[in-house]
Amino acid sequence: MNRLKAVVSSIEGEESLHIIGFDYEGLCLKMMGLDLPKGLALHSHVILSVKPSHVAIAKNISGALSYSNQIPARIASIENGILLSSIVLHVKSTEMQSFITLSSAQRMDLKVGDEVLLL
């Protein structure tokens, strides 16, 4: 599980729908949810968790994307299996991991040191 230490920077709500903004080392991240967690307030320190299987990788992207969370990263290591590739990435002061299909890693020609965007 990937974990990012962040600070709540904004909270928007309409009825039971909320969009929460976070500051992670200068990066603006957003989360949408139906219920606001108890005790969550502006400037709260939180840990954001994301499964490696939920981290998509983009390389050489141009144009606009609708994804709110676009995180610049550098590939630190790649471990290829029979079906999947485990990609370890440096994001600011944190390492994150992404699981993608081996065929996607090969098609994208991912290499250690590549600058990518995490979605």
PDB file of N, CA and C in Angstrom:
ATOM      1  N   MET A   1       0.852  -1.181   0.000  1.00  0.00           N
ATOM      2  CA  MET A   1       0.000   0.000   0.000  1.00  0.00           C
ATOM      3  C   MET A   1       0.896   1.241   0.000  1.00  0.00           C
ATOM      4  N   ASN A   2       0.612   2.161  -0.896  1.00  0.00           N
ATOM      5  CA  ASN A   2       1.329   3.434  -0.943  1.00  0.00           C
ATOM      6  C   ASN A   2       0.731   4.379   0.087  1.00  0.00           C
ATOM      7  N   ARG A   3       1.599   5.119   0.777  1.00  0.00           N
ATOM      8  CA  ARG A   3       1.132   6.074   1.788  1.00  0.00           C
ATOM      9  C   ARG A   3       1.836   7.414   1.593  1.00  0.00           C
ATOM     10  N   LEU A   4       1.030   8.478   1.572  1.00  0.00           N
ATOM     11  CA  LEU A   4       1.545   9.835   1.428  1.00  0.00           C
ATOM     12  C   LEU A   4       1.076  10.669   2.608  1.00  0.00           C
ATOM     13  N   LYS A   5       2.014  11.320   3.301  1.00  0.00           N
ATOM     14  CA  LYS A   5       1.654  12.223   4.395  1.00  0.00           C
ATOM     15  C   LYS A   5       1.280  13.569   3.787  1.00  0.00           C
ATOM     16  N   ALA A   6       0.074  14.029   4.085  1.00  0.00           N
ATOM     17  CA  ALA A   6      -0.438  15.254   3.476  1.00  0.00           C
ATOM     18  C   ALA A   6      -1.191  16.084   4.506  1.00  0.00           C
ATOM     19  N   VAL A   7      -1.565  17.290   4.083  1.00  0.00           N
ATOM     20  CA  VAL A   7      -2.330  18.213   4.921  1.00  0.00           C
ATOM     21  C   VAL A   7      -3.581  18.612   4.143  1.00  0.00           C
ATOM     22  N   VAL A   8      -4.719  18.627   4.810  1.00  0.00           N
ATOM     23  CA  VAL A   8      -5.971  19.039   4.166  1.00  0.00           C
ATOM     24  C   VAL A   8      -5.871  20.528   3.837  1.00  0.00           C
ATOM     25  N   SER A   9      -6.033  20.862   2.553  1.00  0.00           N
ATOM     26  CA  SER A   9      -5.906  22.256   2.120  1.00  0.00           C
ATOM     27  C   SER A   9      -7.241  22.877   1.716  1.00  0.00           C
ATOM     28  N   SER A  10      -8.237  22.046   1.412  1.00  0.00           N
ATOM     29  CA  SER A  10      -9.556  22.588   1.066  1.00  0.00           C
ATOM     30  C   SER A  10     -10.613  21.504   1.252  1.00  0.00           C
ATOM     31  N   ILE A  11     -11.819  21.967   1.555  1.00  0.00           N
ATOM     32  CA  ILE A  11     -12.967  21.063   1.659  1.00  0.00           C
ATOM     33  C   ILE A  11     -14.147  21.755   0.988  1.00  0.00           C
ATOM     34  N   GLU A  12     -14.688  21.120  -0.050  1.00  0.00           N
ATOM     35  CA  GLU A  12     -15.875  21.623  -0.729  1.00  0.00           C
ATOM     36  C   GLU A  12     -16.972  20.586  -0.563  1.00  0.00           C
ATOM     37  N   GLY A  13     -18.196  21.051  -0.390  1.00  0.00           N
ATOM     38  CA  GLY A  13     -19.283  20.102  -0.222  1.00  0.00           C
ATOM     39  C   GLY A  13     -20.587  20.596  -0.802  1.00  0.00           C
ATOM     40  N   GLU A  14     -21.375  19.642  -1.250  1.00  0.00           N
ATOM     41  CA  GLU A  14     -22.724  19.900  -1.751  1.00  0.00           C
ATOM     42  C   GLU A  14     -23.546  18.704  -1.304  1.00  0.00           C
ATOM     43  N   GLU A  15     -24.425  18.937  -0.341  1.00  0.00           N
ATOM     44  CA  GLU A  15     -25.201  17.869   0.285  1.00  0.00           C
ATOM     45  C   GLU A  15     -24.236  16.816   0.828  1.00  0.00           C
ATOM     46  N   SER A  16     -24.309  15.585   0.362  1.00  0.00           N
ATOM     47  CA  SER A  16     -23.429  14.559   0.934  1.00  0.00           C
ATOM     48  C   SER A  16     -22.157  14.335   0.113  1.00  0.00           C
ATOM     49  N   LEU A  17     -21.977  15.071  -0.992  1.00  0.00           N
ATOM     50  CA  LEU A  17     -20.786  14.923  -1.833  1.00  0.00           C
ATOM     51  C   LEU A  17     -19.717  15.923  -1.403  1.00  0.00           C
ATOM     52  N   HIS A  18     -18.487  15.446  -1.253  1.00  0.00           N
ATOM     53  CA  HIS A  18     -17.378  16.307  -0.847  1.00  0.00           C
ATOM     54  C   HIS A  18     -16.179  16.102  -1.762  1.00  0.00           C
ATOM     55  N   ILE A  19     -15.467  17.183  -2.016  1.00  0.00           N
ATOM     56  CA  ILE A  19     -14.172  17.119  -2.687  1.00  0.00           C
ATOM     57  C   ILE A  19     -13.173  17.738  -1.722  1.00  0.00           C
ATOM     58  N   ILE A  20     -12.200  16.933  -1.337  1.00  0.00           N
ATOM     59  CA  ILE A  20     -11.208  17.356  -0.350  1.00  0.00           C
ATOM     60  C   ILE A  20      -9.881  17.548  -1.066  1.00  0.00           C
ATOM     61  N   GLY A  21      -9.257  18.699  -0.837  1.00  0.00           N
ATOM     62  CA  GLY A  21      -7.945  18.986  -1.399  1.00  0.00           C
ATOM     63  C   GLY A  21      -6.867  18.723  -0.366  1.00  0.00           C
ATOM     64  N   PHE A  22      -5.732  18.228  -0.825  1.00  0.00           N
ATOM     65  CA  PHE A  22      -4.608  17.921   0.052  1.00  0.00           C
ATOM     66  C   PHE A  22      -3.341  18.540  -0.512  1.00  0.00           C
ATOM     67  N   ASP A  23      -2.454  18.933   0.380  1.00  0.00           N
ATOM     68  CA  ASP A  23      -1.126  19.385  -0.012  1.00  0.00           C
ATOM     69  C   ASP A  23      -0.146  18.289   0.380  1.00  0.00           C
ATOM     70  N   TYR A  24       0.484  17.690  -0.619  1.00  0.00           N
ATOM     71  CA  TYR A  24       1.532  16.701  -0.382  1.00  0.00           C
ATOM     72  C   TYR A  24       2.834  17.280  -0.927  1.00  0.00           C
ATOM     73  N   GLU A  25       3.638  17.829  -0.039  1.00  0.00           N
ATOM     74  CA  GLU A  25       4.946  18.393  -0.392  1.00  0.00           C
ATOM     75  C   GLU A  25       4.855  19.331  -1.595  1.00  0.00           C
ATOM     76  N   GLY A  26       3.827  20.188  -1.599  1.00  0.00           N
ATOM     77  CA  GLY A  26       3.663  21.168  -2.665  1.00  0.00           C
ATOM     78  C   GLY A  26       2.799  20.703  -3.829  1.00  0.00           C
ATOM     79  N   LEU A  27       2.469  19.433  -3.876  1.00  0.00           N
ATOM     80  CA  LEU A  27       1.560  18.923  -4.909  1.00  0.00           C
ATOM     81  C   LEU A  27       0.129  18.998  -4.405  1.00  0.00           C
ATOM     82  N   CYS A  28      -0.779  19.428  -5.264  1.00  0.00           N
ATOM     83  CA  CYS A  28      -2.198  19.487  -4.915  1.00  0.00           C
ATOM     84  C   CYS A  28      -2.863  18.189  -5.357  1.00  0.00           C
ATOM     85  N   LEU A  29      -3.421  17.462  -4.397  1.00  0.00           N
ATOM     86  CA  LEU A  29      -4.138  16.224  -4.679  1.00  0.00           C
ATOM     87  C   LEU A  29      -5.586  16.390  -4.259  1.00  0.00           C
ATOM     88  N   LYS A  30      -6.492  15.653  -4.885  1.00  0.00           N
ATOM     89  CA  LYS A  30      -7.913  15.752  -4.549  1.00  0.00           C
ATOM     90  C   LYS A  30      -8.518  14.367  -4.383  1.00  0.00           C
ATOM     91  N   MET A  31      -9.550  14.322  -3.542  1.00  0.00           N
ATOM     92  CA  MET A  31     -10.292  13.096  -3.314  1.00  0.00           C
ATOM     93  C   MET A  31     -11.770  13.445  -3.268  1.00  0.00           C
ATOM     94  N   MET A  32     -12.580  12.632  -3.899  1.00  0.00           N
ATOM     95  CA  MET A  32     -14.020  12.826  -3.868  1.00  0.00           C
ATOM     96  C   MET A  32     -14.623  11.725  -3.008  1.00  0.00           C
ATOM     97  N   GLY A  33     -15.581  12.099  -2.182  1.00  0.00           N
ATOM     98  CA  GLY A  33     -16.223  11.104  -1.338  1.00  0.00           C
ATOM     99  C   GLY A  33     -17.633  11.515  -0.975  1.00  0.00           C
ATOM    100  N   LEU A  34     -18.410  10.542  -0.548  1.00  0.00           N
ATOM    101  CA  LEU A  34     -19.791  10.817  -0.165  1.00  0.00           C
ATOM    102  C   LEU A  34     -19.901  11.287   1.275  1.00  0.00           C
ATOM    103  N   ASP A  35     -19.079  10.782   2.139  1.00  0.00           N
ATOM    104  CA  ASP A  35     -19.133  11.177   3.544  1.00  0.00           C
ATOM    105  C   ASP A  35     -17.810  11.801   3.949  1.00  0.00           C
ATOM    106  N   LEU A  36     -17.891  12.861   4.715  1.00  0.00           N
ATOM    107  CA  LEU A  36     -16.697  13.507   5.244  1.00  0.00           C
ATOM    108  C   LEU A  36     -16.282  12.760   6.508  1.00  0.00           C
ATOM    109  N   PRO A  37     -15.056  12.233   6.545  1.00  0.00           N
ATOM    110  CA  PRO A  37     -14.625  11.506   7.749  1.00  0.00           C
ATOM    111  C   PRO A  37     -14.711  12.382   8.998  1.00  0.00           C
ATOM    112  N   LYS A  38     -15.139  11.791  10.102  1.00  0.00           N
ATOM    113  CA  LYS A  38     -15.246  12.542  11.361  1.00  0.00           C
ATOM    114  C   LYS A  38     -13.886  13.096  11.754  1.00  0.00           C
ATOM    115  N   GLY A  39     -13.898  14.331  12.222  1.00  0.00           N
ATOM    116  CA  GLY A  39     -12.679  14.966  12.697  1.00  0.00           C
ATOM    117  C   GLY A  39     -11.821  15.578  11.609  1.00  0.00           C
ATOM    118  N   LEU A  40     -12.194  15.400  10.353  1.00  0.00           N
ATOM    119  CA  LEU A  40     -11.410  15.966   9.260  1.00  0.00           C
ATOM    120  C   LEU A  40     -11.735  17.447   9.128  1.00  0.00           C
ATOM    121  N   ALA A  41     -10.696  18.278   9.128  1.00  0.00           N
ATOM    122  CA  ALA A  41     -10.870  19.726   9.031  1.00  0.00           C
ATOM    123  C   ALA A  41      -9.687  20.304   8.270  1.00  0.00           C
ATOM    124  N   LEU A  42      -9.829  21.561   7.863  1.00  0.00           N
ATOM    125  CA  LEU A  42      -8.701  22.233   7.218  1.00  0.00           C
ATOM    126  C   LEU A  42      -7.465  22.135   8.094  1.00  0.00           C
ATOM    127  N   HIS A  43      -6.337  21.922   7.471  1.00  0.00           N
ATOM    128  CA  HIS A  43      -5.018  21.834   8.117  1.00  0.00           C
ATOM    129  C   HIS A  43      -4.814  20.546   8.910  1.00  0.00           C
ATOM    130  N   SER A  44      -5.757  19.598   8.821  1.00  0.00           N
ATOM    131  CA  SER A  44      -5.557  18.292   9.458  1.00  0.00           C
ATOM    132  C   SER A  44      -4.425  17.557   8.745  1.00  0.00           C
ATOM    133  N   HIS A  45      -3.600  16.877   9.514  1.00  0.00           N
ATOM    134  CA  HIS A  45      -2.552  16.027   8.949  1.00  0.00           C
ATOM    135  C   HIS A  45      -3.149  14.642   8.724  1.00  0.00           C
ATOM    136  N   VAL A  46      -2.970  14.116   7.519  1.00  0.00           N
ATOM    137  CA  VAL A  46      -3.568  12.833   7.153  1.00  0.00           C
ATOM    138  C   VAL A  46      -2.542  11.969   6.422  1.00  0.00           C
ATOM    139  N   ILE A  47      -2.855  10.704   6.321  1.00  0.00           N
ATOM    140  CA  ILE A  47      -2.070   9.793   5.492  1.00  0.00           C
ATOM    141  C   ILE A  47      -2.996   9.281   4.396  1.00  0.00           C
ATOM    142  N   LEU A  48      -2.615   9.548   3.150  1.00  0.00           N
ATOM    143  CA  LEU A  48      -3.384   9.097   2.000  1.00  0.00           C
ATOM    144  C   LEU A  48      -2.844   7.738   1.568  1.00  0.00           C
ATOM    145  N   SER A  49      -3.727   6.790   1.383  1.00  0.00           N
ATOM    146  CA  SER A  49      -3.321   5.445   0.976  1.00  0.00           C
ATOM    147  C   SER A  49      -3.893   5.132  -0.398  1.00  0.00           C
ATOM    148  N   VAL A  50      -3.089   4.486  -1.222  1.00  0.00           N
ATOM    149  CA  VAL A  50      -3.552   4.056  -2.539  1.00  0.00           C
ATOM    150  C   VAL A  50      -2.891   2.721  -2.875  1.00  0.00           C
ATOM    151  N   LYS A  51      -3.694   1.806  -3.375  1.00  0.00           N
ATOM    152  CA  LYS A  51      -3.186   0.486  -3.745  1.00  0.00           C
ATOM    153  C   LYS A  51      -2.305   0.596  -4.992  1.00  0.00           C
ATOM    154  N   PRO A  52      -1.223  -0.175  -5.060  1.00  0.00           N
ATOM    155  CA  PRO A  52      -0.371  -0.152  -6.259  1.00  0.00           C
ATOM    156  C   PRO A  52      -1.138  -0.480  -7.541  1.00  0.00           C
ATOM    157  N   SER A  53      -2.164  -1.294  -7.433  1.00  0.00           N
ATOM    158  CA  SER A  53      -2.953  -1.650  -8.618  1.00  0.00           C
ATOM    159  C   SER A  53      -3.857  -0.504  -9.080  1.00  0.00           C
ATOM    160  N   HIS A  54      -3.957   0.562  -8.284  1.00  0.00           N
ATOM    161  CA  HIS A  54      -4.778   1.723  -8.642  1.00  0.00           C
ATOM    162  C   HIS A  54      -3.935   2.898  -9.128  1.00  0.00           C
ATOM    163  N   VAL A  55      -2.638   2.681  -9.321  1.00  0.00           N
ATOM    164  CA  VAL A  55      -1.741   3.742  -9.788  1.00  0.00           C
ATOM    165  C   VAL A  55      -1.424   3.491 -11.262  1.00  0.00           C
ATOM    166  N   ALA A  56      -1.969   4.341 -12.129  1.00  0.00           N
ATOM    167  CA  ALA A  56      -1.686   4.249 -13.566  1.00  0.00           C
ATOM    168  C   ALA A  56      -0.455   5.094 -13.880  1.00  0.00           C
ATOM    169  N   ILE A  57       0.258   4.719 -14.921  1.00  0.00           N
ATOM    170  CA  ILE A  57       1.473   5.428 -15.330  1.00  0.00           C
ATOM    171  C   ILE A  57       1.266   5.982 -16.734  1.00  0.00           C
ATOM    172  N   ALA A  58       1.614   7.257 -16.918  1.00  0.00           N
ATOM    173  CA  ALA A  58       1.571   7.892 -18.236  1.00  0.00           C
ATOM    174  C   ALA A  58       2.984   8.340 -18.599  1.00  0.00           C
ATOM    175  N   LYS A  59       3.336   8.185 -19.863  1.00  0.00           N
ATOM    176  CA  LYS A  59       4.667   8.580 -20.345  1.00  0.00           C
ATOM    177  C   LYS A  59       4.481   9.388 -21.623  1.00  0.00           C
ATOM    178  N   ASN A  60       5.219  10.488 -21.728  1.00  0.00           N
ATOM    179  CA  ASN A  60       5.164  11.348 -22.919  1.00  0.00           C
ATOM    180  C   ASN A  60       3.742  11.810 -23.227  1.00  0.00           C
ATOM    181  N   ILE A  61       3.032  12.231 -22.195  1.00  0.00           N
ATOM    182  CA  ILE A  61       1.648  12.686 -22.351  1.00  0.00           C
ATOM    183  C   ILE A  61       1.631  14.139 -22.823  1.00  0.00           C
ATOM    184  N   SER A  62       0.755  14.417 -23.779  1.00  0.00           N
ATOM    185  CA  SER A  62       0.518  15.805 -24.185  1.00  0.00           C
ATOM    186  C   SER A  62      -0.988  16.006 -24.255  1.00  0.00           C
ATOM    187  N   GLY A  63      -1.412  17.211 -23.990  1.00  0.00           N
ATOM    188  CA  GLY A  63      -2.843  17.489 -23.993  1.00  0.00           C
ATOM    189  C   GLY A  63      -3.410  17.460 -22.590  1.00  0.00           C
ATOM    190  N   ALA A  64      -4.671  17.792 -22.478  1.00  0.00           N
ATOM    191  CA  ALA A  64      -5.336  17.883 -21.180  1.00  0.00           C
ATOM    192  C   ALA A  64      -5.928  16.534 -20.786  1.00  0.00           C
ATOM    193  N   LEU A  65      -5.896  16.262 -19.490  1.00  0.00           N
ATOM    194  CA  LEU A  65      -6.502  15.056 -18.924  1.00  0.00           C
ATOM    195  C   LEU A  65      -7.507  15.471 -17.867  1.00  0.00           C
ATOM    196  N   SER A  66      -8.551  14.688 -17.693  1.00  0.00           N
ATOM    197  CA  SER A  66      -9.550  15.010 -16.678  1.00  0.00           C
ATOM    198  C   SER A  66      -9.137  14.551 -15.286  1.00  0.00           C
ATOM    199  N   TYR A  67      -8.078  13.763 -15.174  1.00  0.00           N
ATOM    200  CA  TYR A  67      -7.619  13.303 -13.865  1.00  0.00           C
ATOM    201  C   TYR A  67      -7.149  14.486 -13.025  1.00  0.00           C
ATOM    202  N   SER A  68      -7.707  14.637 -11.818  1.00  0.00           N
ATOM    203  CA  SER A  68      -7.269  15.708 -10.923  1.00  0.00           C
ATOM    204  C   SER A  68      -5.876  15.440 -10.385  1.00  0.00           C
ATOM    205  N   ASN A  69      -5.600  14.181 -10.081  1.00  0.00           N
ATOM    206  CA  ASN A  69      -4.311  13.825  -9.489  1.00  0.00           C
ATOM    207  C   ASN A  69      -3.349  13.377 -10.582  1.00  0.00           C
ATOM    208  N   GLN A  70      -2.398  14.253 -10.881  1.00  0.00           N
ATOM    209  CA  GLN A  70      -1.350  13.975 -11.857  1.00  0.00           C
ATOM    210  C   GLN A  70      -0.028  14.229 -11.148  1.00  0.00           C
ATOM    211  N   ILE A  71       0.666  13.154 -10.812  1.00  0.00           N
ATOM    212  CA  ILE A  71       1.826  13.230  -9.933  1.00  0.00           C
ATOM    213  C   ILE A  71       3.103  12.935 -10.716  1.00  0.00           C
ATOM    214  N   PRO A  72       4.006  13.919 -10.846  1.00  0.00           N
ATOM    215  CA  PRO A  72       5.286  13.657 -11.509  1.00  0.00           C
ATOM    216  C   PRO A  72       6.113  12.667 -10.685  1.00  0.00           C
ATOM    217  N   ALA A  73       6.757  11.724 -11.373  1.00  0.00           N
ATOM    218  CA  ALA A  73       7.554  10.708 -10.686  1.00  0.00           C
ATOM    219  C   ALA A  73       8.698  10.262 -11.592  1.00  0.00           C
ATOM    220  N   ARG A  74       9.688   9.591 -10.976  1.00  0.00           N
ATOM    221  CA  ARG A  74      10.807   9.016 -11.717  1.00  0.00           C
ATOM    222  C   ARG A  74      10.881   7.537 -11.387  1.00  0.00           C
ATOM    223  N   ILE A  75      11.031   6.705 -12.392  1.00  0.00           N
ATOM    224  CA  ILE A  75      11.094   5.258 -12.178  1.00  0.00           C
ATOM    225  C   ILE A  75      12.411   4.897 -11.501  1.00  0.00           C
ATOM    226  N   ALA A  76      12.308   4.219 -10.344  1.00  0.00           N
ATOM    227  CA  ALA A  76      13.482   3.797  -9.579  1.00  0.00           C
ATOM    228  C   ALA A  76      13.859   2.352  -9.891  1.00  0.00           C
ATOM    229  N   SER A  77      12.861   1.493 -10.086  1.00  0.00           N
ATOM    230  CA  SER A  77      13.149   0.095 -10.416  1.00  0.00           C
ATOM    231  C   SER A  77      11.947  -0.532 -11.104  1.00  0.00           C
ATOM    232  N   ILE A  78      12.239  -1.575 -11.864  1.00  0.00           N
ATOM    233  CA  ILE A  78      11.208  -2.328 -12.573  1.00  0.00           C
ATOM    234  C   ILE A  78      11.491  -3.807 -12.361  1.00  0.00           C
ATOM    235  N   GLU A  79      10.475  -4.525 -11.904  1.00  0.00           N
ATOM    236  CA  GLU A  79      10.588  -5.977 -11.767  1.00  0.00           C
ATOM    237  C   GLU A  79       9.483  -6.607 -12.608  1.00  0.00           C
ATOM    238  N   ASN A  80       9.899  -7.309 -13.651  1.00  0.00           N
ATOM    239  CA  ASN A  80       8.942  -7.926 -14.558  1.00  0.00           C
ATOM    240  C   ASN A  80       8.666  -9.365 -14.160  1.00  0.00           C
ATOM    241  N   GLY A  81       7.379  -9.698 -14.097  1.00  0.00           N
ATOM    242  CA  GLY A  81       6.959 -11.070 -13.865  1.00  0.00           C
ATOM    243  C   GLY A  81       6.428 -11.660 -15.160  1.00  0.00           C
ATOM    244  N   ILE A  82       5.690 -12.725 -15.047  1.00  0.00           N
ATOM    245  CA  ILE A  82       5.130 -13.375 -16.230  1.00  0.00           C
ATOM    246  C   ILE A  82       3.971 -12.558 -16.798  1.00  0.00           C
ATOM    247  N   LEU A  83       3.125 -12.005 -15.912  1.00  0.00           N
ATOM    248  CA  LEU A  83       1.965 -11.231 -16.349  1.00  0.00           C
ATOM    249  C   LEU A  83       2.030  -9.759 -15.970  1.00  0.00           C
ATOM    250  N   LEU A  84       2.642  -9.465 -14.828  1.00  0.00           N
ATOM    251  CA  LEU A  84       2.648  -8.099 -14.291  1.00  0.00           C
ATOM    252  C   LEU A  84       4.054  -7.552 -14.148  1.00  0.00           C
ATOM    253  N   SER A  85       4.131  -6.231 -14.107  1.00  0.00           N
ATOM    254  CA  SER A  85       5.368  -5.527 -13.776  1.00  0.00           C
ATOM    255  C   SER A  85       5.127  -4.732 -12.508  1.00  0.00           C
ATOM    256  N   SER A  86       6.087  -4.795 -11.603  1.00  0.00           N
ATOM    257  CA  SER A  86       6.063  -3.982 -10.387  1.00  0.00           C
ATOM    258  C   SER A  86       7.031  -2.832 -10.611  1.00  0.00           C
ATOM    259  N   ILE A  87       6.500  -1.619 -10.592  1.00  0.00           N
ATOM    260  CA  ILE A  87       7.292  -0.422 -10.852  1.00  0.00           C
ATOM    261  C   ILE A  87       7.396   0.369  -9.553  1.00  0.00           C
ATOM    262  N   VAL A  88       8.626   0.645  -9.104  1.00  0.00           N
ATOM    263  CA  VAL A  88       8.852   1.496  -7.937  1.00  0.00           C
ATOM    264  C   VAL A  88       9.250   2.868  -8.464  1.00  0.00           C
ATOM    265  N   LEU A  89       8.607   3.903  -7.902  1.00  0.00           N
ATOM    266  CA  LEU A  89       8.794   5.265  -8.401  1.00  0.00           C
ATOM    267  C   LEU A  89       9.143   6.216  -7.267  1.00  0.00           C
ATOM    268  N   HIS A  90       9.991   7.193  -7.560  1.00  0.00           N
ATOM    269  CA  HIS A  90      10.290   8.253  -6.602  1.00  0.00           C
ATOM    270  C   HIS A  90       9.325   9.406  -6.846  1.00  0.00           C
ATOM    271  N   VAL A  91       8.612   9.783  -5.791  1.00  0.00           N
ATOM    272  CA  VAL A  91       7.686  10.916  -5.816  1.00  0.00           C
ATOM    273  C   VAL A  91       8.073  11.804  -4.650  1.00  0.00           C
ATOM    274  N   LYS A  92       8.655  12.959  -4.959  1.00  0.00           N
ATOM    275  CA  LYS A  92       9.147  13.850  -3.897  1.00  0.00           C
ATOM    276  C   LYS A  92      10.037  13.035  -2.960  1.00  0.00           C
ATOM    277  N   SER A  93       9.714  12.992  -1.655  1.00  0.00           N
ATOM    278  CA  SER A  93      10.558  12.263  -0.696  1.00  0.00           C
ATOM    279  C   SER A  93      10.045  10.849  -0.426  1.00  0.00           C
ATOM    280  N   THR A  94       9.097  10.381  -1.231  1.00  0.00           N
ATOM    281  CA  THR A  94       8.437   9.101  -0.985  1.00  0.00           C
ATOM    282  C   THR A  94       8.631   8.159  -2.166  1.00  0.00           C
ATOM    283  N   GLU A  95       8.626   6.870  -1.884  1.00  0.00           N
ATOM    284  CA  GLU A  95       8.569   5.876  -2.946  1.00  0.00           C
ATOM    285  C   GLU A  95       7.133   5.389  -3.074  1.00  0.00           C
ATOM    286  N   MET A  96       6.685   5.236  -4.313  1.00  0.00           N
ATOM    287  CA  MET A  96       5.373   4.652  -4.580  1.00  0.00           C
ATOM    288  C   MET A  96       5.574   3.447  -5.479  1.00  0.00           C
ATOM    289  N   GLN A  97       4.580   2.583  -5.494  1.00  0.00           N
ATOM    290  CA  GLN A  97       4.645   1.383  -6.312  1.00  0.00           C
ATOM    291  C   GLN A  97       3.409   1.308  -7.193  1.00  0.00           C
ATOM    292  N   SER A  98       3.604   0.817  -8.408  1.00  0.00           N
ATOM    293  CA  SER A  98       2.503   0.602  -9.339  1.00  0.00           C
ATOM    294  C   SER A  98       2.617  -0.803  -9.907  1.00  0.00           C
ATOM    295  N   PHE A  99       1.487  -1.492 -10.001  1.00  0.00           N
ATOM    296  CA  PHE A  99       1.420  -2.776 -10.687  1.00  0.00           C
ATOM    297  C   PHE A  99       0.700  -2.544 -12.008  1.00  0.00           C
ATOM    298  N   ILE A 100       1.366  -2.834 -13.108  1.00  0.00           N
ATOM    299  CA  ILE A 100       0.739  -2.744 -14.423  1.00  0.00           C
ATOM    300  C   ILE A 100       1.018  -4.049 -15.163  1.00  0.00           C
ATOM    301  N   THR A 101       0.309  -4.269 -16.246  1.00  0.00           N
ATOM    302  CA  THR A 101       0.559  -5.498 -16.996  1.00  0.00           C
ATOM    303  C   THR A 101       1.942  -5.441 -17.643  1.00  0.00           C
ATOM    304  N   LEU A 102       2.545  -6.597 -17.782  1.00  0.00           N
ATOM    305  CA  LEU A 102       3.845  -6.688 -18.442  1.00  0.00           C
ATOM    306  C   LEU A 102       3.754  -6.136 -19.860  1.00  0.00           C
ATOM    307  N   SER A 103       2.667  -6.437 -20.549  1.00  0.00           N
ATOM    308  CA  SER A 103       2.526  -5.949 -21.928  1.00  0.00           C
ATOM    309  C   SER A 103       2.470  -4.419 -21.981  1.00  0.00           C
ATOM    310  N   SER A 104       1.849  -3.783 -20.991  1.00  0.00           N
ATOM    311  CA  SER A 104       1.826  -2.312 -20.951  1.00  0.00           C
ATOM    312  C   SER A 104       3.221  -1.756 -20.707  1.00  0.00           C
ATOM    313  N   ALA A 105       3.954  -2.350 -19.777  1.00  0.00           N
ATOM    314  CA  ALA A 105       5.320  -1.891 -19.488  1.00  0.00           C
ATOM    315  C   ALA A 105       6.199  -2.019 -20.730  1.00  0.00           C
ATOM    316  N   GLN A 106       6.046  -3.112 -21.463  1.00  0.00           N
ATOM    317  CA  GLN A 106       6.840  -3.312 -22.681  1.00  0.00           C
ATOM    318  C   GLN A 106       6.408  -2.349 -23.780  1.00  0.00           C
ATOM    319  N   ARG A 107       5.109  -2.172 -23.963  1.00  0.00           N
ATOM    320  CA  ARG A 107       4.595  -1.264 -24.997  1.00  0.00           C
ATOM    321  C   ARG A 107       5.052   0.166 -24.751  1.00  0.00           C
ATOM    322  N   MET A 108       5.088   0.556 -23.469  1.00  0.00           N
ATOM    323  CA  MET A 108       5.500   1.915 -23.109  1.00  0.00           C
ATOM    324  C   MET A 108       7.015   2.068 -23.086  1.00  0.00           C
ATOM    325  N   ASP A 109       7.741   0.947 -23.203  1.00  0.00           N
ATOM    326  CA  ASP A 109       9.201   0.938 -23.167  1.00  0.00           C
ATOM    327  C   ASP A 109       9.721   1.650 -21.913  1.00  0.00           C
ATOM    328  N   LEU A 110       9.139   1.270 -20.764  1.00  0.00           N
ATOM    329  CA  LEU A 110       9.530   1.890 -19.499  1.00  0.00           C
ATOM    330  C   LEU A 110      10.940   1.472 -19.115  1.00  0.00           C
ATOM    331  N   LYS A 111      11.713   2.444 -18.631  1.00  0.00           N
ATOM    332  CA  LYS A 111      13.096   2.214 -18.221  1.00  0.00           C
ATOM    333  C   LYS A 111      13.346   2.921 -16.894  1.00  0.00           C
ATOM    334  N   VAL A 112      14.279   2.383 -16.109  1.00  0.00           N
ATOM    335  CA  VAL A 112      14.700   3.045 -14.879  1.00  0.00           C
ATOM    336  C   VAL A 112      15.219   4.434 -15.250  1.00  0.00           C
ATOM    337  N   GLY A 113      14.798   5.437 -14.499  1.00  0.00           N
ATOM    338  CA  GLY A 113      15.196   6.818 -14.750  1.00  0.00           C
ATOM    339  C   GLY A 113      14.189   7.610 -15.561  1.00  0.00           C
ATOM    340  N   ASP A 114      13.226   6.933 -16.199  1.00  0.00           N
ATOM    341  CA  ASP A 114      12.201   7.643 -16.976  1.00  0.00           C
ATOM    342  C   ASP A 114      11.381   8.561 -16.076  1.00  0.00           C
ATOM    343  N   GLU A 115      11.088   9.752 -16.583  1.00  0.00           N
ATOM    344  CA  GLU A 115      10.176  10.678 -15.920  1.00  0.00           C
ATOM    345  C   GLU A 115       8.770  10.356 -16.426  1.00  0.00           C
ATOM    346  N   VAL A 116       7.853  10.108 -15.507  1.00  0.00           N
ATOM    347  CA  VAL A 116       6.493   9.714 -15.870  1.00  0.00           C
ATOM    348  C   VAL A 116       5.492  10.512 -15.045  1.00  0.00           C
ATOM    349  N   LEU A 117       4.238  10.297 -15.331  1.00  0.00           N
ATOM    350  CA  LEU A 117       3.151  10.930 -14.598  1.00  0.00           C
ATOM    351  C   LEU A 117       2.291   9.820 -14.015  1.00  0.00           C
ATOM    352  N   LEU A 118       2.027   9.891 -12.717  1.00  0.00           N
ATOM    353  CA  LEU A 118       1.156   8.919 -12.071  1.00  0.00           C
ATOM    354  C   LEU A 118      -0.256   9.473 -12.053  1.00  0.00           C
ATOM    355  N   LEU A 119      -1.205   8.627 -12.391  1.00  0.00           N
ATOM    356  CA  LEU A 119      -2.607   9.035 -12.445  1.00  0.00           C
ATOM    357  C   LEU A 119      -3.411   8.180 -11.493  1.00  0.00           C
TER     358      LEU A 119
END
